[in-house]
Amino acid sequence: MTLAQLRALVAVAKAGSITVAAEQLGITQPALSRTISGLEHSLGVTLLVRHHGGTRLTAVAERLIGTAQDVLALTERIRRDAGEEQTLSGVTLRVGSLPTTSVWLIPRLLASFGRSFPGVEVRLFDGTSEQVLTWLREGVVDVGFVVTPCEGVKVTPLTSDELWAVVPASSPLATHRSVSLHDLQTLGFLHAKFGCEALIEQAHREAGVPMCARYSVRDFATLVNMIREGLGYTLLPEVALPDVPGVRAVKLHPGVSRSLGLGLSEAALVLPAARVFSEHTLRHVG
């Protein structure tokens, strides 16, 4: 059994006629008939029944045709990927990232992507979700992690996670199974500028709790150290929760969910490197 034989069977199935299928394949009718006969001999079954109106598949062929199409599609995918491997050598891919994804998710993702595609150099741009969206629209980055929903770029949904309260381990709230924004008011709020600002502001509005930030922080290590020293609490998505001494993550009640997506710039829609990065990300994150 060969790919040419499978391709011939699929062509006849679609055309309903050996004559038409031969024309579409660019070969003679006798050559196509010999190819089908060779496949029948290889499998030990009859695949086609010829009649005055054309050709029809036998019951066996009807069961096999879907598998044959899958094999041909997979073969084409292998050829395409092999061809892209040559075009991916020495390529630079610009990736926009949020501080919350850069903490744990991005290092693991880039490590596995680098092993799979060593010829692609990744340049990382850290910013808020609004900044990454602007960079995608202006072509500053090729792909970027963004908080969804958003407009103006093509976005593939990746995952959703909950916001958690991160409090000092010394706080009585650290032993609670869950806390509300009302409970957290006693600690003082540390506003992390990590891309979830709009979601956090909305959560405070809906809870009727004033969002009075004691400090605004842009550096993750600084934020964690400030919480450890008892200067307040913050809200972080689950993917960015710190696992270090002196701080505790407590579930927020009622829950606040954040959705994360991967956006592509207009130019990146036809970039092989952007496509393989998107597919790799979906396999490892989605």
C-alpha atoms as a PDB file:
ATOM      1  CA  MET A   1       0.000   0.000   0.000  1.00  0.00           C
ATOM      2  CA  THR A   2       1.377   3.387  -1.021  1.00  0.00           C
ATOM      3  CA  LEU A   3       0.375   7.011  -0.620  1.00  0.00           C
ATOM      4  CA  ALA A   4      -0.257   7.195  -4.355  1.00  0.00           C
ATOM      5  CA  GLN A   5      -2.764   4.349  -4.053  1.00  0.00           C
ATOM      6  CA  LEU A   6      -4.555   6.041  -1.149  1.00  0.00           C
ATOM      7  CA  ARG A   7      -4.585   9.325  -3.048  1.00  0.00           C
ATOM      8  CA  ALA A   8      -6.129   7.529  -6.047  1.00  0.00           C
ATOM      9  CA  LEU A   9      -8.846   5.951  -3.897  1.00  0.00           C
ATOM     10  CA  VAL A  10      -9.765   9.289  -2.314  1.00  0.00           C
ATOM     11  CA  ALA A  11      -9.868  10.971  -5.740  1.00  0.00           C
ATOM     12  CA  VAL A  12     -12.232   8.344  -7.137  1.00  0.00           C
ATOM     13  CA  ALA A  13     -14.434   8.579  -4.036  1.00  0.00           C
ATOM     14  CA  LYS A  14     -14.747  12.350  -4.432  1.00  0.00           C
ATOM     15  CA  ALA A  15     -15.232  12.316  -8.224  1.00  0.00           C
ATOM     16  CA  GLY A  16     -17.517   9.283  -8.403  1.00  0.00           C
ATOM     17  CA  SER A  17     -15.821   8.335 -11.635  1.00  0.00           C
ATOM     18  CA  ILE A  18     -12.456   6.872 -12.604  1.00  0.00           C
ATOM     19  CA  THR A  19     -12.424   8.990 -15.761  1.00  0.00           C
ATOM     20  CA  VAL A  20     -12.978  12.262 -13.901  1.00  0.00           C
ATOM     21  CA  ALA A  21     -10.567  11.289 -11.100  1.00  0.00           C
ATOM     22  CA  ALA A  22      -7.853  10.463 -13.648  1.00  0.00           C
ATOM     23  CA  GLU A  23      -8.250  13.886 -15.249  1.00  0.00           C
ATOM     24  CA  GLN A  24      -8.001  15.586 -11.858  1.00  0.00           C
ATOM     25  CA  LEU A  25      -4.863  13.623 -10.955  1.00  0.00           C
ATOM     26  CA  GLY A  26      -3.279  14.255 -14.357  1.00  0.00           C
ATOM     27  CA  ILE A  27      -2.865  10.577 -15.248  1.00  0.00           C
ATOM     28  CA  THR A  28      -4.522   8.224 -17.743  1.00  0.00           C
ATOM     29  CA  GLN A  29      -7.595   6.191 -16.889  1.00  0.00           C
ATOM     30  CA  PRO A  30      -5.772   2.828 -17.324  1.00  0.00           C
ATOM     31  CA  ALA A  31      -2.981   4.017 -15.005  1.00  0.00           C
ATOM     32  CA  LEU A  32      -5.498   4.976 -12.327  1.00  0.00           C
ATOM     33  CA  SER A  33      -7.316   1.652 -12.705  1.00  0.00           C
ATOM     34  CA  ARG A  34      -4.003  -0.210 -12.229  1.00  0.00           C
ATOM     35  CA  THR A  35      -3.270   1.860  -9.128  1.00  0.00           C
ATOM     36  CA  ILE A  36      -6.648   0.994  -7.586  1.00  0.00           C
ATOM     37  CA  SER A  37      -6.205  -2.666  -8.523  1.00  0.00           C
ATOM     38  CA  GLY A  38      -2.818  -2.671  -6.826  1.00  0.00           C
ATOM     39  CA  LEU A  39      -4.378  -1.309  -3.635  1.00  0.00           C
ATOM     40  CA  GLU A  40      -7.130  -3.936  -3.760  1.00  0.00           C
ATOM     41  CA  HIS A  41      -4.520  -6.657  -4.185  1.00  0.00           C
ATOM     42  CA  SER A  42      -2.464  -5.259  -1.298  1.00  0.00           C
ATOM     43  CA  LEU A  43      -5.471  -5.176   1.042  1.00  0.00           C
ATOM     44  CA  GLY A  44      -7.127  -8.321  -0.240  1.00  0.00           C
ATOM     45  CA  VAL A  45     -10.511  -6.659  -0.684  1.00  0.00           C
ATOM     46  CA  THR A  46     -12.620  -5.137  -3.454  1.00  0.00           C
ATOM     47  CA  LEU A  47     -12.836  -1.352  -3.168  1.00  0.00           C
ATOM     48  CA  LEU A  48     -14.734  -0.213  -6.259  1.00  0.00           C
ATOM     49  CA  VAL A  49     -17.775  -1.416  -8.120  1.00  0.00           C
ATOM     50  CA  ARG A  50     -18.034  -0.180 -11.689  1.00  0.00           C
ATOM     51  CA  HIS A  51     -21.451   0.382 -13.270  1.00  0.00           C
ATOM     52  CA  HIS A  52     -22.838   2.203 -16.293  1.00  0.00           C
ATOM     53  CA  GLY A  53     -23.295   5.426 -14.347  1.00  0.00           C
ATOM     54  CA  GLY A  54     -19.752   5.547 -12.998  1.00  0.00           C
ATOM     55  CA  THR A  55     -18.062   4.024  -9.984  1.00  0.00           C
ATOM     56  CA  ARG A  56     -19.137   3.523  -6.410  1.00  0.00           C
ATOM     57  CA  LEU A  57     -17.283   2.485  -3.287  1.00  0.00           C
ATOM     58  CA  THR A  58     -17.888  -0.897  -1.711  1.00  0.00           C
ATOM     59  CA  ALA A  59     -18.902  -1.056   1.960  1.00  0.00           C
ATOM     60  CA  VAL A  60     -15.296  -1.844   2.875  1.00  0.00           C
ATOM     61  CA  ALA A  61     -14.036   1.193   0.955  1.00  0.00           C
ATOM     62  CA  GLU A  62     -16.642   3.391   2.642  1.00  0.00           C
ATOM     63  CA  ARG A  63     -15.208   2.378   6.009  1.00  0.00           C
ATOM     64  CA  LEU A  64     -11.624   2.927   4.868  1.00  0.00           C
ATOM     65  CA  ILE A  65     -11.980   6.252   3.059  1.00  0.00           C
ATOM     66  CA  GLY A  66     -11.955   8.389   6.221  1.00  0.00           C
ATOM     67  CA  THR A  67      -8.762   6.756   7.436  1.00  0.00           C
ATOM     68  CA  ALA A  68      -7.170   7.198   4.016  1.00  0.00           C
ATOM     69  CA  GLN A  69      -7.987  10.904   4.072  1.00  0.00           C
ATOM     70  CA  ASP A  70      -6.499  11.212   7.579  1.00  0.00           C
ATOM     71  CA  VAL A  71      -3.287   9.508   6.445  1.00  0.00           C
ATOM     72  CA  LEU A  72      -2.949  11.856   3.468  1.00  0.00           C
ATOM     73  CA  ALA A  73      -3.632  14.924   5.629  1.00  0.00           C
ATOM     74  CA  LEU A  74      -1.067  13.794   8.191  1.00  0.00           C
ATOM     75  CA  THR A  75       1.491  13.177   5.462  1.00  0.00           C
ATOM     76  CA  GLU A  76       0.926  16.673   4.112  1.00  0.00           C
ATOM     77  CA  ARG A  77       1.329  18.065   7.635  1.00  0.00           C
ATOM     78  CA  ILE A  78       4.642  16.223   8.055  1.00  0.00           C
ATOM     79  CA  ARG A  79       5.898  17.603   4.751  1.00  0.00           C
ATOM     80  CA  ARG A  80       4.802  21.110   5.668  1.00  0.00           C
ATOM     81  CA  ASP A  81       6.424  20.938   9.095  1.00  0.00           C
ATOM     82  CA  ALA A  82       9.626  19.564   7.621  1.00  0.00           C
ATOM     83  CA  GLY A  83       9.678  22.421   5.116  1.00  0.00           C
ATOM     84  CA  GLU A  84       9.006  24.969   7.847  1.00  0.00           C
ATOM     85  CA  GLU A  85      11.852  23.577   9.931  1.00  0.00           C
ATOM     86  CA  GLN A  86      14.216  24.865   7.245  1.00  0.00           C
ATOM     87  CA  THR A  87      12.515  28.291   7.177  1.00  0.00           C
ATOM     88  CA  LEU A  88      12.590  28.587  11.003  1.00  0.00           C
ATOM     89  CA  SER A  89      16.367  28.627  11.241  1.00  0.00           C
ATOM     90  CA  GLY A  90      17.718  32.017  12.293  1.00  0.00           C
ATOM     91  CA  VAL A  91      14.235  33.518  12.764  1.00  0.00           C
ATOM     92  CA  THR A  92      13.411  36.053  15.502  1.00  0.00           C
ATOM     93  CA  LEU A  93       9.987  35.968  17.154  1.00  0.00           C
ATOM     94  CA  ARG A  94       8.880  38.936  19.275  1.00  0.00           C
ATOM     95  CA  VAL A  95       6.624  37.895  22.162  1.00  0.00           C
ATOM     96  CA  GLY A  96       4.644  40.277  24.367  1.00  0.00           C
ATOM     97  CA  SER A  97       4.196  39.025  27.921  1.00  0.00           C
ATOM     98  CA  LEU A  98       2.372  40.102  31.050  1.00  0.00           C
ATOM     99  CA  PRO A  99       4.261  40.268  34.355  1.00  0.00           C
ATOM    100  CA  THR A 100       1.931  37.609  35.755  1.00  0.00           C
ATOM    101  CA  THR A 101       2.715  35.201  32.905  1.00  0.00           C
ATOM    102  CA  SER A 102       6.431  35.995  33.025  1.00  0.00           C
ATOM    103  CA  VAL A 103       6.769  34.718  36.602  1.00  0.00           C
ATOM    104  CA  TRP A 104       6.250  30.983  36.076  1.00  0.00           C
ATOM    105  CA  LEU A 105       4.458  30.293  32.789  1.00  0.00           C
ATOM    106  CA  ILE A 106       6.796  31.994  30.314  1.00  0.00           C
ATOM    107  CA  PRO A 107      10.082  30.445  31.567  1.00  0.00           C
ATOM    108  CA  ARG A 108       8.694  26.904  31.285  1.00  0.00           C
ATOM    109  CA  LEU A 109       7.047  27.641  27.938  1.00  0.00           C
ATOM    110  CA  LEU A 110      10.161  29.180  26.376  1.00  0.00           C
ATOM    111  CA  ALA A 111      12.327  26.323  27.632  1.00  0.00           C
ATOM    112  CA  SER A 112      10.137  23.684  25.960  1.00  0.00           C
ATOM    113  CA  PHE A 113       9.707  25.801  22.812  1.00  0.00           C
ATOM    114  CA  GLY A 114      13.474  26.265  22.554  1.00  0.00           C
ATOM    115  CA  ARG A 115      14.013  22.516  22.714  1.00  0.00           C
ATOM    116  CA  SER A 116      11.465  21.943  19.948  1.00  0.00           C
ATOM    117  CA  PHE A 117      12.514  24.884  17.745  1.00  0.00           C
ATOM    118  CA  PRO A 118      16.146  25.740  18.506  1.00  0.00           C
ATOM    119  CA  GLY A 119      16.452  27.877  15.379  1.00  0.00           C
ATOM    120  CA  VAL A 120      13.928  30.468  16.610  1.00  0.00           C
ATOM    121  CA  GLU A 121      15.238  33.312  18.761  1.00  0.00           C
ATOM    122  CA  VAL A 122      12.555  34.691  21.090  1.00  0.00           C
ATOM    123  CA  ARG A 123      12.675  38.313  22.229  1.00  0.00           C
ATOM    124  CA  LEU A 124      10.470  39.043  25.219  1.00  0.00           C
ATOM    125  CA  PHE A 125       8.597  42.333  25.764  1.00  0.00           C
ATOM    126  CA  ASP A 126       7.009  42.784  29.211  1.00  0.00           C
ATOM    127  CA  GLY A 127       4.019  45.098  29.607  1.00  0.00           C
ATOM    128  CA  THR A 128       0.437  45.426  30.774  1.00  0.00           C
ATOM    129  CA  SER A 129      -2.360  43.825  28.772  1.00  0.00           C
ATOM    130  CA  GLU A 130      -3.184  47.226  27.235  1.00  0.00           C
ATOM    131  CA  GLN A 131       0.449  47.736  26.242  1.00  0.00           C
ATOM    132  CA  VAL A 132       0.704  44.278  24.678  1.00  0.00           C
ATOM    133  CA  LEU A 133      -2.499  44.951  22.711  1.00  0.00           C
ATOM    134  CA  THR A 134      -1.043  48.211  21.418  1.00  0.00           C
ATOM    135  CA  TRP A 135       2.199  46.470  20.464  1.00  0.00           C
ATOM    136  CA  LEU A 136       0.214  43.806  18.565  1.00  0.00           C
ATOM    137  CA  ARG A 137      -1.806  46.417  16.665  1.00  0.00           C
ATOM    138  CA  GLU A 138       1.323  48.403  15.780  1.00  0.00           C
ATOM    139  CA  GLY A 139       3.411  45.336  14.902  1.00  0.00           C
ATOM    140  CA  VAL A 140       5.942  45.882  17.695  1.00  0.00           C
ATOM    141  CA  VAL A 141       5.467  42.234  18.736  1.00  0.00           C
ATOM    142  CA  ASP A 142       4.379  39.248  16.661  1.00  0.00           C
ATOM    143  CA  VAL A 143       2.441  37.396  19.359  1.00  0.00           C
ATOM    144  CA  GLY A 144       1.407  38.432  22.837  1.00  0.00           C
ATOM    145  CA  PHE A 145      -0.385  37.256  25.961  1.00  0.00           C
ATOM    146  CA  VAL A 146      -3.427  39.400  26.732  1.00  0.00           C
ATOM    147  CA  VAL A 147      -6.342  39.462  29.140  1.00  0.00           C
ATOM    148  CA  THR A 148      -9.575  38.745  27.273  1.00  0.00           C
ATOM    149  CA  PRO A 149     -11.993  39.867  26.015  1.00  0.00           C
ATOM    150  CA  CYS A 150     -10.223  42.436  23.878  1.00  0.00           C
ATOM    151  CA  GLU A 151     -10.671  43.956  20.439  1.00  0.00           C
ATOM    152  CA  GLY A 152      -8.571  44.854  17.437  1.00  0.00           C
ATOM    153  CA  VAL A 153      -6.420  41.708  17.119  1.00  0.00           C
ATOM    154  CA  LYS A 154      -6.942  38.008  16.445  1.00  0.00           C
ATOM    155  CA  VAL A 155      -6.887  36.248  19.831  1.00  0.00           C
ATOM    156  CA  THR A 156      -6.886  32.519  20.600  1.00  0.00           C
ATOM    157  CA  PRO A 157      -8.327  31.695  24.062  1.00  0.00           C
ATOM    158  CA  LEU A 158      -5.801  29.895  26.267  1.00  0.00           C
ATOM    159  CA  THR A 159      -6.999  29.444  29.823  1.00  0.00           C
ATOM    160  CA  SER A 160      -8.849  30.970  32.753  1.00  0.00           C
ATOM    161  CA  ASP A 161      -7.717  31.282  36.340  1.00  0.00           C
ATOM    162  CA  GLU A 162      -8.942  32.862  39.544  1.00  0.00           C
ATOM    163  CA  LEU A 163      -7.590  35.877  41.366  1.00  0.00           C
ATOM    164  CA  TRP A 164      -6.246  35.026  44.831  1.00  0.00           C
ATOM    165  CA  ALA A 165      -5.432  37.215  47.799  1.00  0.00           C
ATOM    166  CA  VAL A 166      -1.756  37.129  48.736  1.00  0.00           C
ATOM    167  CA  VAL A 167      -1.286  38.096  52.390  1.00  0.00           C
ATOM    168  CA  PRO A 168       1.521  38.119  54.985  1.00  0.00           C
ATOM    169  CA  ALA A 169       1.964  34.724  56.644  1.00  0.00           C
ATOM    170  CA  SER A 170       1.771  36.550  59.982  1.00  0.00           C
ATOM    171  CA  SER A 171      -1.745  37.836  59.284  1.00  0.00           C
ATOM    172  CA  PRO A 172      -4.713  36.045  60.897  1.00  0.00           C
ATOM    173  CA  LEU A 173      -6.269  35.950  57.414  1.00  0.00           C
ATOM    174  CA  ALA A 174      -3.473  33.622  56.259  1.00  0.00           C
ATOM    175  CA  THR A 175      -5.190  30.722  58.029  1.00  0.00           C
ATOM    176  CA  HIS A 176      -8.588  31.316  56.398  1.00  0.00           C
ATOM    177  CA  ARG A 177      -9.842  29.035  53.614  1.00  0.00           C
ATOM    178  CA  SER A 178     -11.207  32.074  51.777  1.00  0.00           C
ATOM    179  CA  VAL A 179     -11.461  35.829  52.305  1.00  0.00           C
ATOM    180  CA  SER A 180     -13.550  38.659  50.908  1.00  0.00           C
ATOM    181  CA  LEU A 181     -12.425  42.104  49.834  1.00  0.00           C
ATOM    182  CA  HIS A 182     -14.159  43.425  52.944  1.00  0.00           C
ATOM    183  CA  ASP A 183     -11.977  41.139  55.108  1.00  0.00           C
ATOM    184  CA  LEU A 184      -8.827  42.356  53.373  1.00  0.00           C
ATOM    185  CA  GLN A 185      -9.476  46.039  54.086  1.00  0.00           C
ATOM    186  CA  THR A 186      -7.736  45.684  57.449  1.00  0.00           C
ATOM    187  CA  LEU A 187      -4.402  44.951  55.750  1.00  0.00           C
ATOM    188  CA  GLY A 188      -4.053  47.722  53.180  1.00  0.00           C
ATOM    189  CA  PHE A 189      -3.939  47.148  49.439  1.00  0.00           C
ATOM    190  CA  LEU A 190      -0.726  46.858  47.401  1.00  0.00           C
ATOM    191  CA  HIS A 191      -1.673  47.663  43.804  1.00  0.00           C
ATOM    192  CA  ALA A 192       0.352  45.399  41.510  1.00  0.00           C
ATOM    193  CA  LYS A 193       0.637  46.917  38.026  1.00  0.00           C
ATOM    194  CA  PHE A 194       0.712  43.491  36.402  1.00  0.00           C
ATOM    195  CA  GLY A 195      -2.049  43.626  33.811  1.00  0.00           C
ATOM    196  CA  CYS A 196      -5.140  42.827  35.907  1.00  0.00           C
ATOM    197  CA  GLU A 197      -5.893  46.403  36.966  1.00  0.00           C
ATOM    198  CA  ALA A 198      -9.264  46.677  35.192  1.00  0.00           C
ATOM    199  CA  LEU A 199     -10.437  43.341  36.597  1.00  0.00           C
ATOM    200  CA  ILE A 200      -9.358  44.251  40.132  1.00  0.00           C
ATOM    201  CA  GLU A 201     -11.035  47.668  39.934  1.00  0.00           C
ATOM    202  CA  GLN A 202     -14.253  46.007  38.724  1.00  0.00           C
ATOM    203  CA  ALA A 203     -14.151  43.493  41.594  1.00  0.00           C
ATOM    204  CA  HIS A 204     -13.836  46.304  44.141  1.00  0.00           C
ATOM    205  CA  ARG A 205     -16.724  48.221  42.564  1.00  0.00           C
ATOM    206  CA  GLU A 206     -19.002  45.191  42.574  1.00  0.00           C
ATOM    207  CA  ALA A 207     -18.097  44.438  46.207  1.00  0.00           C
ATOM    208  CA  GLY A 208     -18.693  48.053  47.233  1.00  0.00           C
ATOM    209  CA  VAL A 209     -15.165  48.277  48.650  1.00  0.00           C
ATOM    210  CA  PRO A 210     -13.054  51.405  47.958  1.00  0.00           C
ATOM    211  CA  MET A 211      -9.799  50.518  46.206  1.00  0.00           C
ATOM    212  CA  CYS A 212      -7.397  52.619  48.266  1.00  0.00           C
ATOM    213  CA  ALA A 213      -3.902  51.492  47.376  1.00  0.00           C
ATOM    214  CA  ARG A 214      -1.274  51.958  50.057  1.00  0.00           C
ATOM    215  CA  TYR A 215       1.467  51.434  47.439  1.00  0.00           C
ATOM    216  CA  SER A 216       1.651  50.816  43.696  1.00  0.00           C
ATOM    217  CA  VAL A 217       4.260  48.234  42.693  1.00  0.00           C
ATOM    218  CA  ARG A 218       5.602  47.162  39.305  1.00  0.00           C
ATOM    219  CA  ASP A 219       8.332  44.709  40.344  1.00  0.00           C
ATOM    220  CA  PHE A 220       7.238  41.213  41.374  1.00  0.00           C
ATOM    221  CA  ALA A 221      10.106  40.559  43.808  1.00  0.00           C
ATOM    222  CA  THR A 222       9.509  43.919  45.494  1.00  0.00           C
ATOM    223  CA  LEU A 223       5.807  43.145  45.807  1.00  0.00           C
ATOM    224  CA  VAL A 224       6.455  39.776  47.480  1.00  0.00           C
ATOM    225  CA  ASN A 225       8.960  41.284  49.912  1.00  0.00           C
ATOM    226  CA  MET A 226       6.531  44.071  50.856  1.00  0.00           C
ATOM    227  CA  ILE A 227       3.827  41.513  51.623  1.00  0.00           C
ATOM    228  CA  ARG A 228       6.292  39.433  53.644  1.00  0.00           C
ATOM    229  CA  GLU A 229       7.113  42.528  55.718  1.00  0.00           C
ATOM    230  CA  GLY A 230       3.440  43.043  56.514  1.00  0.00           C
ATOM    231  CA  LEU A 231       2.907  46.154  54.398  1.00  0.00           C
ATOM    232  CA  GLY A 232      -0.328  44.878  52.893  1.00  0.00           C
ATOM    233  CA  TYR A 233      -1.944  42.377  50.546  1.00  0.00           C
ATOM    234  CA  THR A 234      -2.391  42.088  46.795  1.00  0.00           C
ATOM    235  CA  LEU A 235      -4.518  40.182  44.285  1.00  0.00           C
ATOM    236  CA  LEU A 236      -2.797  37.910  41.768  1.00  0.00           C
ATOM    237  CA  PRO A 237      -3.969  35.324  39.241  1.00  0.00           C
ATOM    238  CA  GLU A 238      -3.326  31.720  40.179  1.00  0.00           C
ATOM    239  CA  VAL A 239      -0.650  31.289  37.505  1.00  0.00           C
ATOM    240  CA  ALA A 240       1.523  33.913  39.262  1.00  0.00           C
ATOM    241  CA  LEU A 241       1.091  32.948  42.924  1.00  0.00           C
ATOM    242  CA  PRO A 242       4.416  33.079  44.812  1.00  0.00           C
ATOM    243  CA  ASP A 243       5.585  29.948  46.625  1.00  0.00           C
ATOM    244  CA  VAL A 244       7.981  31.523  49.090  1.00  0.00           C
ATOM    245  CA  PRO A 245       8.248  31.727  52.897  1.00  0.00           C
ATOM    246  CA  GLY A 246       6.474  34.575  54.643  1.00  0.00           C
ATOM    247  CA  VAL A 247       3.451  34.920  52.335  1.00  0.00           C
ATOM    248  CA  ARG A 248       0.250  32.927  51.864  1.00  0.00           C
ATOM    249  CA  ALA A 249      -2.256  32.711  49.019  1.00  0.00           C
ATOM    250  CA  VAL A 250      -5.893  32.613  50.124  1.00  0.00           C
ATOM    251  CA  LYS A 251      -8.860  31.996  47.838  1.00  0.00           C
ATOM    252  CA  LEU A 252     -10.973  35.062  47.158  1.00  0.00           C
ATOM    253  CA  HIS A 253     -14.714  34.904  47.843  1.00  0.00           C
ATOM    254  CA  PRO A 254     -16.717  35.596  45.817  1.00  0.00           C
ATOM    255  CA  GLY A 255     -14.385  34.403  43.080  1.00  0.00           C
ATOM    256  CA  VAL A 256     -13.019  36.677  40.367  1.00  0.00           C
ATOM    257  CA  SER A 257     -11.985  34.961  37.129  1.00  0.00           C
ATOM    258  CA  ARG A 258      -9.432  36.148  34.572  1.00  0.00           C
ATOM    259  CA  SER A 259      -9.299  34.833  30.991  1.00  0.00           C
ATOM    260  CA  LEU A 260      -5.991  34.706  29.157  1.00  0.00           C
ATOM    261  CA  GLY A 261      -5.480  34.608  25.401  1.00  0.00           C
ATOM    262  CA  LEU A 262      -2.693  34.693  22.828  1.00  0.00           C
ATOM    263  CA  GLY A 263      -2.965  37.514  20.303  1.00  0.00           C
ATOM    264  CA  LEU A 264      -1.314  37.710  16.882  1.00  0.00           C
ATOM    265  CA  SER A 265      -0.351  40.832  14.984  1.00  0.00           C
ATOM    266  CA  GLU A 266      -1.669  41.175  11.439  1.00  0.00           C
ATOM    267  CA  ALA A 267       1.745  40.423   9.955  1.00  0.00           C
ATOM    268  CA  ALA A 268       2.193  37.364  12.191  1.00  0.00           C
ATOM    269  CA  LEU A 269      -0.851  35.644  10.694  1.00  0.00           C
ATOM    270  CA  VAL A 270       1.383  34.383   7.870  1.00  0.00           C
ATOM    271  CA  LEU A 271       4.587  33.853   9.879  1.00  0.00           C
ATOM    272  CA  PRO A 272       5.525  30.165  10.341  1.00  0.00           C
ATOM    273  CA  ALA A 273       7.324  30.973  13.603  1.00  0.00           C
ATOM    274  CA  ALA A 274       4.206  32.638  15.017  1.00  0.00           C
ATOM    275  CA  ARG A 275       2.046  29.686  13.994  1.00  0.00           C
ATOM    276  CA  VAL A 276       4.296  27.059  15.601  1.00  0.00           C
ATOM    277  CA  PHE A 277       4.609  29.190  18.766  1.00  0.00           C
ATOM    278  CA  SER A 278       0.820  29.490  18.977  1.00  0.00           C
ATOM    279  CA  GLU A 279       0.364  25.750  18.507  1.00  0.00           C
ATOM    280  CA  HIS A 280       3.084  24.994  21.046  1.00  0.00           C
ATOM    281  CA  THR A 281       1.488  27.376  23.562  1.00  0.00           C
ATOM    282  CA  LEU A 282      -1.950  25.816  23.101  1.00  0.00           C
ATOM    283  CA  ARG A 283      -0.529  22.333  23.746  1.00  0.00           C
ATOM    284  CA  HIS A 284       1.252  23.431  26.923  1.00  0.00           C
ATOM    285  CA  VAL A 285      -1.149  26.027  28.329  1.00  0.00           C
ATOM    286  CA  GLY A 286      -4.571  25.627  26.759  1.00  0.00           C
END
